[in-house]
Amino acid sequence: MTAEVVSVPREAVRGLLRREYDALVDSGLLEDESVELIEGDLVRMMPQKPVHAGTVRRVDRALRGQLPGGWALSLQFPLAAGDRSEPEPDLAVVPDEDYLDHHPTSARLVVEVSRSSLTIDLGAKARVYAAIGVPDYWVLDVVGGRLHAHRSPTAAGYEEVSVHGSGVVTTAAEPTLDLDLDAVLGPR
């Protein structure tokens, strides 16, 4: 006898609020879990392979020296993105503050390095970052060897998405930052 598979309709799932997620983190219940909160869901973060970690380091080196005063590069730290999301982007350009009692709530640029998470990076995470007004969201696809540059955020998502396989990509918003894809992605 075969069991019938029944799925719960998405609209019937409540999901977590960011304050509830933070309480779970504070309680220690998620101590051994590598997760982030995306649109109310706990999403597992995959272990980092060397190509992911190495690419994050390359992007860090490329952007860090370009940052003007008042801005900081946040590496894999939480971003309080509305009531239902707290992603941990690979890199984010945030106002230069200490953030001892809260996480940043906005960023000028977010970069996700994607090896196995391209679907969520181009889908749910793009919606999350657009909803909080991140002007530049870049997804660096290390498998495909290209960068998906998202611009012009709206509450529903990004109005502009361009794909680059080589050359230099520049942020649309201040501070102006350049990323040389050939240097960051290396030989393919």
N, C-alpha and C. Protein backbone atom coordinates (compact mmCIF):
# COMPACT_ATOMS: atom_id res chain seq x y z
N MET A 1 0.84 -1.17 0.00
CA MET A 1 0.00 0.00 0.00
C MET A 1 0.89 1.24 0.00
N THR A 2 0.61 2.17 -0.84
CA THR A 2 1.39 3.40 -0.95
C THR A 2 0.68 4.52 -0.19
N ALA A 3 1.45 5.22 0.61
CA ALA A 3 0.88 6.34 1.37
C ALA A 3 0.70 7.54 0.45
N GLU A 4 -0.40 8.23 0.65
CA GLU A 4 -0.67 9.44 -0.11
C GLU A 4 0.15 10.59 0.47
N VAL A 5 0.83 11.31 -0.39
CA VAL A 5 1.62 12.46 0.05
C VAL A 5 0.72 13.69 0.04
N VAL A 6 0.63 14.31 1.20
CA VAL A 6 -0.20 15.51 1.33
C VAL A 6 0.72 16.64 1.76
N SER A 7 0.64 17.74 1.06
CA SER A 7 1.46 18.88 1.46
C SER A 7 0.56 19.96 2.06
N VAL A 8 1.15 20.74 2.93
CA VAL A 8 0.43 21.83 3.57
C VAL A 8 0.49 23.04 2.65
N PRO A 9 -0.65 23.65 2.36
CA PRO A 9 -0.62 24.85 1.50
C PRO A 9 0.23 25.94 2.16
N ARG A 10 1.02 26.63 1.37
CA ARG A 10 1.93 27.66 1.88
C ARG A 10 1.21 28.70 2.73
N GLU A 11 0.02 29.08 2.33
CA GLU A 11 -0.73 30.11 3.08
C GLU A 11 -1.17 29.62 4.46
N ALA A 12 -1.13 28.32 4.70
CA ALA A 12 -1.51 27.77 6.01
C ALA A 12 -0.33 27.71 6.98
N VAL A 13 0.87 27.98 6.48
CA VAL A 13 2.07 27.94 7.33
C VAL A 13 2.30 29.33 7.90
N ARG A 14 2.45 29.39 9.24
CA ARG A 14 2.61 30.68 9.91
C ARG A 14 4.00 31.26 9.74
N GLY A 15 5.03 30.50 9.93
CA GLY A 15 6.39 31.02 9.85
C GLY A 15 6.79 31.80 11.09
N LEU A 16 8.06 32.07 11.22
CA LEU A 16 8.60 32.78 12.37
C LEU A 16 8.75 34.26 12.09
N LEU A 17 8.58 35.05 13.12
CA LEU A 17 8.93 36.46 13.06
C LEU A 17 10.38 36.59 13.48
N ARG A 18 11.02 37.67 13.06
CA ARG A 18 12.43 37.86 13.38
C ARG A 18 12.64 37.91 14.89
N ARG A 19 11.75 38.54 15.64
CA ARG A 19 11.92 38.61 17.10
C ARG A 19 11.83 37.22 17.73
N GLU A 20 11.01 36.34 17.17
CA GLU A 20 10.91 34.96 17.66
C GLU A 20 12.19 34.18 17.32
N TYR A 21 12.68 34.39 16.13
CA TYR A 21 13.94 33.77 15.71
C TYR A 21 15.08 34.21 16.63
N ASP A 22 15.16 35.52 16.89
CA ASP A 22 16.21 36.03 17.78
C ASP A 22 16.10 35.44 19.17
N ALA A 23 14.86 35.23 19.65
CA ALA A 23 14.66 34.61 20.97
C ALA A 23 15.15 33.15 20.96
N LEU A 24 14.91 32.44 19.85
CA LEU A 24 15.44 31.07 19.73
C LEU A 24 16.96 31.06 19.75
N VAL A 25 17.56 32.02 19.05
CA VAL A 25 19.02 32.13 19.05
C VAL A 25 19.52 32.42 20.46
N ASP A 26 18.90 33.40 21.13
CA ASP A 26 19.30 33.76 22.50
C ASP A 26 19.15 32.60 23.47
N SER A 27 18.15 31.75 23.25
CA SER A 27 17.90 30.63 24.17
C SER A 27 18.91 29.49 23.99
N GLY A 28 19.62 29.49 22.88
CA GLY A 28 20.58 28.42 22.62
C GLY A 28 19.99 27.26 21.84
N LEU A 29 18.69 27.29 21.53
CA LEU A 29 18.06 26.18 20.82
C LEU A 29 18.61 25.96 19.41
N LEU A 30 19.17 27.00 18.82
CA LEU A 30 19.71 26.87 17.46
C LEU A 30 21.24 26.82 17.44
N GLU A 31 21.83 26.60 18.61
CA GLU A 31 23.29 26.65 18.76
C GLU A 31 24.02 25.73 17.79
N ASP A 32 23.52 24.55 17.57
CA ASP A 32 24.19 23.60 16.70
C ASP A 32 23.62 23.58 15.28
N GLU A 33 22.82 24.57 14.98
CA GLU A 33 22.19 24.65 13.66
C GLU A 33 22.82 25.78 12.86
N SER A 34 23.07 25.54 11.60
CA SER A 34 23.56 26.58 10.70
C SER A 34 22.38 26.99 9.82
N VAL A 35 21.61 27.96 10.32
CA VAL A 35 20.40 28.40 9.63
C VAL A 35 20.35 29.92 9.59
N GLU A 36 19.51 30.42 8.70
CA GLU A 36 19.18 31.84 8.65
C GLU A 36 17.69 31.95 8.42
N LEU A 37 17.10 33.06 8.83
CA LEU A 37 15.67 33.27 8.69
C LEU A 37 15.40 34.01 7.38
N ILE A 38 14.67 33.37 6.48
CA ILE A 38 14.33 33.95 5.18
C ILE A 38 12.82 33.85 4.99
N GLU A 39 12.16 35.00 4.94
CA GLU A 39 10.71 35.08 4.75
C GLU A 39 9.96 34.17 5.72
N GLY A 40 10.38 34.16 6.98
CA GLY A 40 9.70 33.39 8.01
C GLY A 40 10.14 31.94 8.13
N ASP A 41 10.97 31.47 7.21
CA ASP A 41 11.42 30.09 7.22
C ASP A 41 12.86 29.98 7.72
N LEU A 42 13.14 28.91 8.48
CA LEU A 42 14.50 28.59 8.84
C LEU A 42 15.12 27.87 7.65
N VAL A 43 16.14 28.47 7.05
CA VAL A 43 16.76 27.92 5.86
C VAL A 43 18.17 27.46 6.23
N ARG A 44 18.46 26.20 5.94
CA ARG A 44 19.79 25.65 6.23
C ARG A 44 20.84 26.32 5.34
N MET A 45 21.97 26.63 5.95
CA MET A 45 23.10 27.15 5.20
C MET A 45 24.05 25.98 4.95
N MET A 46 24.47 25.83 3.73
CA MET A 46 25.34 24.73 3.34
C MET A 46 26.76 24.98 3.85
N PRO A 47 27.48 23.90 4.18
CA PRO A 47 28.89 24.07 4.56
C PRO A 47 29.65 24.71 3.39
N GLN A 48 30.64 25.52 3.73
CA GLN A 48 31.39 26.23 2.70
C GLN A 48 32.51 25.38 2.13
N LYS A 49 32.50 25.25 0.83
CA LYS A 49 33.60 24.59 0.12
C LYS A 49 34.69 25.63 -0.10
N PRO A 50 35.91 25.19 -0.39
CA PRO A 50 37.01 26.14 -0.59
C PRO A 50 36.72 27.21 -1.65
N VAL A 51 36.05 26.85 -2.75
CA VAL A 51 35.78 27.83 -3.80
C VAL A 51 34.87 28.95 -3.28
N HIS A 52 33.93 28.62 -2.41
CA HIS A 52 33.05 29.64 -1.84
C HIS A 52 33.85 30.56 -0.91
N ALA A 53 34.57 29.97 0.03
CA ALA A 53 35.34 30.77 0.99
C ALA A 53 36.40 31.61 0.28
N GLY A 54 37.09 31.02 -0.69
CA GLY A 54 38.11 31.75 -1.42
C GLY A 54 37.55 32.90 -2.22
N THR A 55 36.38 32.71 -2.82
CA THR A 55 35.74 33.79 -3.58
C THR A 55 35.29 34.91 -2.65
N VAL A 56 34.75 34.56 -1.49
CA VAL A 56 34.37 35.59 -0.52
C VAL A 56 35.61 36.42 -0.15
N ARG A 57 36.75 35.76 0.08
CA ARG A 57 37.98 36.49 0.41
C ARG A 57 38.42 37.40 -0.74
N ARG A 58 38.28 36.92 -1.98
CA ARG A 58 38.66 37.75 -3.14
C ARG A 58 37.78 39.00 -3.23
N VAL A 59 36.47 38.82 -3.04
CA VAL A 59 35.56 39.96 -3.10
C VAL A 59 35.86 40.92 -1.95
N ASP A 60 36.13 40.39 -0.78
CA ASP A 60 36.49 41.22 0.37
C ASP A 60 37.71 42.09 0.04
N ARG A 61 38.76 41.48 -0.48
CA ARG A 61 39.97 42.23 -0.83
C ARG A 61 39.68 43.28 -1.90
N ALA A 62 38.85 42.93 -2.87
CA ALA A 62 38.55 43.85 -3.97
C ALA A 62 37.75 45.07 -3.50
N LEU A 63 36.83 44.89 -2.55
CA LEU A 63 35.95 45.98 -2.14
C LEU A 63 36.48 46.78 -0.95
N ARG A 64 37.13 46.12 -0.02
CA ARG A 64 37.51 46.76 1.24
C ARG A 64 38.32 48.05 1.05
N GLY A 65 39.29 48.04 0.17
CA GLY A 65 40.12 49.22 -0.05
C GLY A 65 39.40 50.37 -0.73
N GLN A 66 38.23 50.11 -1.30
CA GLN A 66 37.48 51.16 -1.99
C GLN A 66 36.49 51.89 -1.08
N LEU A 67 36.26 51.37 0.11
CA LEU A 67 35.23 51.94 0.97
C LEU A 67 35.63 53.30 1.52
N PRO A 68 34.78 54.31 1.33
CA PRO A 68 35.06 55.61 1.93
C PRO A 68 34.69 55.59 3.41
N GLY A 69 35.09 56.62 4.13
CA GLY A 69 34.74 56.74 5.54
C GLY A 69 33.24 56.68 5.73
N GLY A 70 32.83 56.12 6.85
CA GLY A 70 31.41 56.02 7.17
C GLY A 70 30.78 54.70 6.73
N TRP A 71 31.54 53.87 6.03
CA TRP A 71 31.03 52.59 5.54
C TRP A 71 31.93 51.46 6.01
N ALA A 72 31.35 50.28 6.22
CA ALA A 72 32.10 49.11 6.64
C ALA A 72 31.66 47.91 5.81
N LEU A 73 32.56 46.96 5.68
CA LEU A 73 32.24 45.72 4.98
C LEU A 73 31.96 44.65 6.02
N SER A 74 30.74 44.15 6.01
CA SER A 74 30.29 43.13 6.95
C SER A 74 30.41 41.77 6.27
N LEU A 75 31.13 40.85 6.92
CA LEU A 75 31.36 39.52 6.34
C LEU A 75 30.55 38.46 7.06
N GLN A 76 29.54 37.93 6.40
CA GLN A 76 28.74 36.81 6.89
C GLN A 76 28.14 37.08 8.28
N PHE A 77 27.68 38.32 8.48
CA PHE A 77 26.99 38.71 9.71
C PHE A 77 25.52 38.97 9.40
N PRO A 78 24.65 38.84 10.41
CA PRO A 78 23.21 39.02 10.18
C PRO A 78 22.85 40.44 9.73
N LEU A 79 21.78 40.50 8.95
CA LEU A 79 21.17 41.74 8.51
C LEU A 79 19.70 41.64 8.90
N ALA A 80 19.24 42.53 9.78
CA ALA A 80 17.84 42.52 10.22
C ALA A 80 17.00 43.10 9.09
N ALA A 81 16.38 42.21 8.33
CA ALA A 81 15.69 42.59 7.10
C ALA A 81 14.17 42.48 7.26
N GLY A 82 13.60 43.42 7.96
CA GLY A 82 12.15 43.41 8.16
C GLY A 82 11.75 42.48 9.29
N ASP A 83 10.45 42.22 9.39
CA ASP A 83 9.92 41.42 10.49
C ASP A 83 10.09 39.92 10.32
N ARG A 84 10.40 39.45 9.09
CA ARG A 84 10.39 38.00 8.85
C ARG A 84 11.69 37.44 8.29
N SER A 85 12.73 38.26 8.24
CA SER A 85 13.99 37.77 7.66
C SER A 85 15.20 38.30 8.42
N GLU A 86 16.20 37.43 8.55
CA GLU A 86 17.49 37.81 9.10
C GLU A 86 18.57 36.99 8.38
N PRO A 87 18.80 37.35 7.11
CA PRO A 87 19.82 36.63 6.34
C PRO A 87 21.22 36.97 6.86
N GLU A 88 22.17 36.14 6.47
CA GLU A 88 23.58 36.38 6.79
C GLU A 88 24.34 36.43 5.46
N PRO A 89 24.27 37.59 4.79
CA PRO A 89 24.91 37.69 3.47
C PRO A 89 26.41 37.49 3.56
N ASP A 90 26.98 36.98 2.48
CA ASP A 90 28.42 36.76 2.45
C ASP A 90 29.17 38.07 2.67
N LEU A 91 28.74 39.14 2.00
CA LEU A 91 29.33 40.46 2.19
C LEU A 91 28.22 41.50 2.11
N ALA A 92 28.33 42.53 2.92
CA ALA A 92 27.38 43.64 2.86
C ALA A 92 28.10 44.93 3.22
N VAL A 93 27.83 45.97 2.47
CA VAL A 93 28.35 47.30 2.79
C VAL A 93 27.29 47.99 3.63
N VAL A 94 27.65 48.25 4.89
CA VAL A 94 26.71 48.80 5.87
C VAL A 94 27.30 50.08 6.48
N PRO A 95 26.45 50.92 7.07
CA PRO A 95 26.99 52.08 7.79
C PRO A 95 27.97 51.62 8.87
N ASP A 96 29.05 52.35 9.02
CA ASP A 96 30.12 51.97 9.95
C ASP A 96 29.70 52.31 11.39
N GLU A 97 29.13 51.33 12.06
CA GLU A 97 28.72 51.45 13.46
C GLU A 97 29.21 50.21 14.19
N ASP A 98 29.11 50.21 15.52
CA ASP A 98 29.57 49.06 16.29
C ASP A 98 28.57 47.90 16.33
N TYR A 99 27.27 48.18 16.24
CA TYR A 99 26.24 47.14 16.24
C TYR A 99 26.35 46.20 17.43
N LEU A 100 26.51 46.76 18.61
CA LEU A 100 26.62 45.94 19.82
C LEU A 100 25.26 45.49 20.35
N ASP A 101 24.21 46.26 20.05
CA ASP A 101 22.89 45.90 20.58
C ASP A 101 21.84 45.67 19.50
N HIS A 102 22.26 45.66 18.25
CA HIS A 102 21.35 45.38 17.14
C HIS A 102 22.16 45.03 15.90
N HIS A 103 21.49 44.41 14.94
CA HIS A 103 22.12 44.13 13.64
C HIS A 103 21.78 45.27 12.69
N PRO A 104 22.60 45.49 11.66
CA PRO A 104 22.24 46.49 10.65
C PRO A 104 20.87 46.17 10.06
N THR A 105 20.13 47.20 9.71
CA THR A 105 18.80 47.02 9.12
C THR A 105 18.79 47.36 7.63
N SER A 106 19.92 47.82 7.13
CA SER A 106 20.00 48.14 5.70
C SER A 106 21.44 47.99 5.24
N ALA A 107 21.61 47.99 3.94
CA ALA A 107 22.94 47.90 3.34
C ALA A 107 22.87 48.63 2.00
N ARG A 108 24.02 49.10 1.55
CA ARG A 108 24.08 49.74 0.23
C ARG A 108 24.35 48.71 -0.86
N LEU A 109 25.11 47.68 -0.49
CA LEU A 109 25.43 46.59 -1.41
C LEU A 109 25.42 45.30 -0.62
N VAL A 110 24.80 44.27 -1.18
CA VAL A 110 24.88 42.92 -0.63
C VAL A 110 25.42 42.02 -1.73
N VAL A 111 26.37 41.16 -1.34
CA VAL A 111 26.95 40.18 -2.28
C VAL A 111 26.75 38.79 -1.69
N GLU A 112 26.12 37.93 -2.44
CA GLU A 112 26.02 36.51 -2.09
C GLU A 112 26.87 35.73 -3.07
N VAL A 113 27.77 34.92 -2.54
CA VAL A 113 28.57 34.02 -3.37
C VAL A 113 27.82 32.70 -3.40
N SER A 114 27.47 32.26 -4.60
CA SER A 114 26.58 31.12 -4.74
C SER A 114 27.27 29.95 -5.43
N ARG A 115 27.30 28.84 -4.72
CA ARG A 115 27.79 27.60 -5.31
C ARG A 115 26.64 26.61 -5.44
N SER A 116 25.89 26.43 -4.34
CA SER A 116 24.78 25.48 -4.35
C SER A 116 23.45 26.14 -3.99
N SER A 117 23.44 27.44 -3.79
CA SER A 117 22.24 28.13 -3.31
C SER A 117 21.68 29.14 -4.32
N LEU A 118 21.98 28.94 -5.59
CA LEU A 118 21.59 29.93 -6.60
C LEU A 118 20.08 30.18 -6.63
N THR A 119 19.28 29.15 -6.49
CA THR A 119 17.83 29.32 -6.55
C THR A 119 17.33 30.24 -5.45
N ILE A 120 17.78 30.02 -4.22
CA ILE A 120 17.32 30.89 -3.12
C ILE A 120 17.94 32.27 -3.20
N ASP A 121 19.20 32.36 -3.67
CA ASP A 121 19.86 33.67 -3.78
C ASP A 121 19.17 34.55 -4.83
N LEU A 122 18.75 33.95 -5.94
CA LEU A 122 18.08 34.71 -7.00
C LEU A 122 16.58 34.89 -6.75
N GLY A 123 16.02 34.09 -5.84
CA GLY A 123 14.59 34.15 -5.56
C GLY A 123 14.27 34.84 -4.24
N ALA A 124 14.17 34.06 -3.18
CA ALA A 124 13.73 34.58 -1.88
C ALA A 124 14.65 35.67 -1.35
N LYS A 125 15.96 35.47 -1.45
CA LYS A 125 16.86 36.50 -0.92
C LYS A 125 16.77 37.79 -1.73
N ALA A 126 16.59 37.69 -3.02
CA ALA A 126 16.42 38.91 -3.83
C ALA A 126 15.18 39.67 -3.38
N ARG A 127 14.10 38.96 -3.09
CA ARG A 127 12.88 39.62 -2.60
C ARG A 127 13.13 40.30 -1.26
N VAL A 128 13.83 39.61 -0.37
CA VAL A 128 14.12 40.15 0.96
C VAL A 128 14.94 41.43 0.85
N TYR A 129 16.03 41.40 0.08
CA TYR A 129 16.91 42.57 -0.03
C TYR A 129 16.21 43.72 -0.75
N ALA A 130 15.41 43.42 -1.77
CA ALA A 130 14.67 44.48 -2.46
C ALA A 130 13.67 45.14 -1.52
N ALA A 131 12.98 44.33 -0.71
CA ALA A 131 11.94 44.86 0.19
C ALA A 131 12.51 45.85 1.20
N ILE A 132 13.79 45.68 1.59
CA ILE A 132 14.37 46.64 2.54
C ILE A 132 15.17 47.73 1.82
N GLY A 133 15.09 47.75 0.49
CA GLY A 133 15.68 48.85 -0.28
C GLY A 133 17.17 48.78 -0.54
N VAL A 134 17.77 47.58 -0.54
CA VAL A 134 19.19 47.46 -0.86
C VAL A 134 19.35 47.83 -2.35
N PRO A 135 20.06 48.94 -2.65
CA PRO A 135 20.10 49.40 -4.05
C PRO A 135 20.88 48.50 -5.00
N ASP A 136 21.89 47.81 -4.49
CA ASP A 136 22.68 46.91 -5.33
C ASP A 136 22.77 45.55 -4.65
N TYR A 137 22.30 44.52 -5.32
CA TYR A 137 22.38 43.15 -4.82
C TYR A 137 23.05 42.32 -5.90
N TRP A 138 24.21 41.75 -5.57
CA TRP A 138 24.98 40.97 -6.53
C TRP A 138 25.02 39.51 -6.09
N VAL A 139 24.72 38.62 -7.02
CA VAL A 139 24.85 37.18 -6.78
C VAL A 139 25.97 36.69 -7.69
N LEU A 140 27.04 36.25 -7.06
CA LEU A 140 28.20 35.76 -7.78
C LEU A 140 28.10 34.25 -7.91
N ASP A 141 27.73 33.78 -9.09
CA ASP A 141 27.55 32.35 -9.38
C ASP A 141 28.90 31.75 -9.74
N VAL A 142 29.54 31.08 -8.77
CA VAL A 142 30.88 30.55 -9.01
C VAL A 142 30.87 29.32 -9.93
N VAL A 143 29.75 28.62 -9.99
CA VAL A 143 29.66 27.45 -10.88
C VAL A 143 29.50 27.92 -12.33
N GLY A 144 28.62 28.87 -12.55
CA GLY A 144 28.37 29.39 -13.90
C GLY A 144 29.35 30.46 -14.33
N GLY A 145 30.15 30.98 -13.39
CA GLY A 145 31.15 31.99 -13.73
C GLY A 145 30.54 33.31 -14.17
N ARG A 146 29.52 33.76 -13.44
CA ARG A 146 28.88 35.03 -13.81
C ARG A 146 28.30 35.72 -12.58
N LEU A 147 28.04 37.01 -12.74
CA LEU A 147 27.46 37.81 -11.67
C LEU A 147 26.09 38.30 -12.11
N HIS A 148 25.09 38.12 -11.25
CA HIS A 148 23.74 38.64 -11.49
C HIS A 148 23.63 39.92 -10.68
N ALA A 149 23.55 41.06 -11.37
CA ALA A 149 23.48 42.37 -10.71
C ALA A 149 22.04 42.84 -10.67
N HIS A 150 21.51 43.00 -9.46
CA HIS A 150 20.14 43.45 -9.24
C HIS A 150 20.16 44.92 -8.84
N ARG A 151 19.28 45.72 -9.47
CA ARG A 151 19.19 47.16 -9.18
C ARG A 151 17.74 47.59 -9.20
N SER A 152 17.50 48.79 -8.70
CA SER A 152 16.16 49.40 -8.66
C SER A 152 15.19 48.54 -7.85
N PRO A 153 15.40 48.51 -6.51
CA PRO A 153 14.53 47.70 -5.66
C PRO A 153 13.13 48.28 -5.52
N THR A 154 12.15 47.40 -5.44
CA THR A 154 10.77 47.76 -5.13
C THR A 154 10.29 46.80 -4.04
N ALA A 155 9.11 47.02 -3.53
CA ALA A 155 8.56 46.12 -2.51
C ALA A 155 8.36 44.71 -3.06
N ALA A 156 8.22 44.58 -4.37
CA ALA A 156 7.96 43.28 -4.99
C ALA A 156 9.21 42.59 -5.52
N GLY A 157 10.33 43.29 -5.58
CA GLY A 157 11.56 42.71 -6.11
C GLY A 157 12.37 43.76 -6.84
N TYR A 158 13.36 43.31 -7.58
CA TYR A 158 14.22 44.23 -8.33
C TYR A 158 13.68 44.42 -9.74
N GLU A 159 13.67 45.67 -10.21
CA GLU A 159 13.19 45.96 -11.55
C GLU A 159 14.24 45.65 -12.62
N GLU A 160 15.52 45.75 -12.25
CA GLU A 160 16.60 45.52 -13.22
C GLU A 160 17.50 44.39 -12.75
N VAL A 161 17.74 43.45 -13.64
CA VAL A 161 18.71 42.38 -13.38
C VAL A 161 19.53 42.20 -14.65
N SER A 162 20.86 42.32 -14.49
CA SER A 162 21.74 42.09 -15.63
C SER A 162 22.74 41.02 -15.24
N VAL A 163 23.21 40.28 -16.23
CA VAL A 163 24.14 39.18 -15.99
C VAL A 163 25.45 39.51 -16.69
N HIS A 164 26.55 39.35 -15.94
CA HIS A 164 27.89 39.70 -16.44
C HIS A 164 28.82 38.50 -16.28
N GLY A 165 29.55 38.16 -17.33
CA GLY A 165 30.48 37.06 -17.28
C GLY A 165 31.93 37.50 -17.15
N SER A 166 32.18 38.78 -17.42
CA SER A 166 33.55 39.30 -17.32
C SER A 166 33.48 40.82 -17.23
N GLY A 167 34.63 41.44 -17.08
CA GLY A 167 34.69 42.89 -17.02
C GLY A 167 34.49 43.41 -15.62
N VAL A 168 34.27 44.71 -15.53
CA VAL A 168 34.11 45.40 -14.25
C VAL A 168 32.65 45.77 -14.07
N VAL A 169 32.11 45.45 -12.89
CA VAL A 169 30.74 45.82 -12.54
C VAL A 169 30.85 46.89 -11.46
N THR A 170 30.02 47.94 -11.60
CA THR A 170 30.06 49.08 -10.68
C THR A 170 28.70 49.25 -10.03
N THR A 171 28.71 49.59 -8.74
CA THR A 171 27.45 49.83 -8.04
C THR A 171 26.74 51.03 -8.64
N ALA A 172 25.42 51.01 -8.58
CA ALA A 172 24.62 52.13 -9.05
C ALA A 172 24.51 53.20 -7.97
N ALA A 173 24.55 52.79 -6.71
CA ALA A 173 24.37 53.71 -5.58
C ALA A 173 25.72 54.06 -4.96
N GLU A 174 25.73 55.16 -4.25
CA GLU A 174 26.93 55.55 -3.49
C GLU A 174 27.03 54.66 -2.25
N PRO A 175 28.18 54.28 -1.79
CA PRO A 175 29.47 54.61 -2.38
C PRO A 175 29.72 53.80 -3.65
N THR A 176 30.39 54.41 -4.60
CA THR A 176 30.69 53.74 -5.85
C THR A 176 31.80 52.71 -5.63
N LEU A 177 31.49 51.47 -5.96
CA LEU A 177 32.43 50.37 -5.79
C LEU A 177 32.50 49.58 -7.09
N ASP A 178 33.70 49.15 -7.44
CA ASP A 178 33.93 48.37 -8.65
C ASP A 178 34.36 46.96 -8.28
N LEU A 179 33.91 46.00 -9.08
CA LEU A 179 34.34 44.62 -8.90
C LEU A 179 34.79 44.07 -10.24
N ASP A 180 36.07 43.70 -10.33
CA ASP A 180 36.64 43.12 -11.54
C ASP A 180 36.35 41.62 -11.53
N LEU A 181 35.39 41.21 -12.35
CA LEU A 181 34.97 39.81 -12.35
C LEU A 181 36.07 38.86 -12.79
N ASP A 182 36.91 39.28 -13.72
CA ASP A 182 37.99 38.42 -14.18
C ASP A 182 38.95 38.11 -13.03
N ALA A 183 39.23 39.11 -12.19
CA ALA A 183 40.13 38.91 -11.05
C ALA A 183 39.47 38.08 -9.96
N VAL A 184 38.18 38.31 -9.73
CA VAL A 184 37.48 37.62 -8.64
C VAL A 184 37.15 36.17 -9.00
N LEU A 185 36.67 35.95 -10.22
CA LEU A 185 36.29 34.60 -10.63
C LEU A 185 37.49 33.77 -11.08
N GLY A 186 38.55 34.44 -11.52
CA GLY A 186 39.75 33.72 -11.94
C GLY A 186 39.52 32.93 -13.21
N PRO A 187 40.51 32.11 -13.57
CA PRO A 187 40.36 31.29 -14.78
C PRO A 187 39.23 30.28 -14.63
N ARG A 188 38.46 30.13 -15.69
CA ARG A 188 37.35 29.18 -15.67
C ARG A 188 37.52 28.14 -16.74
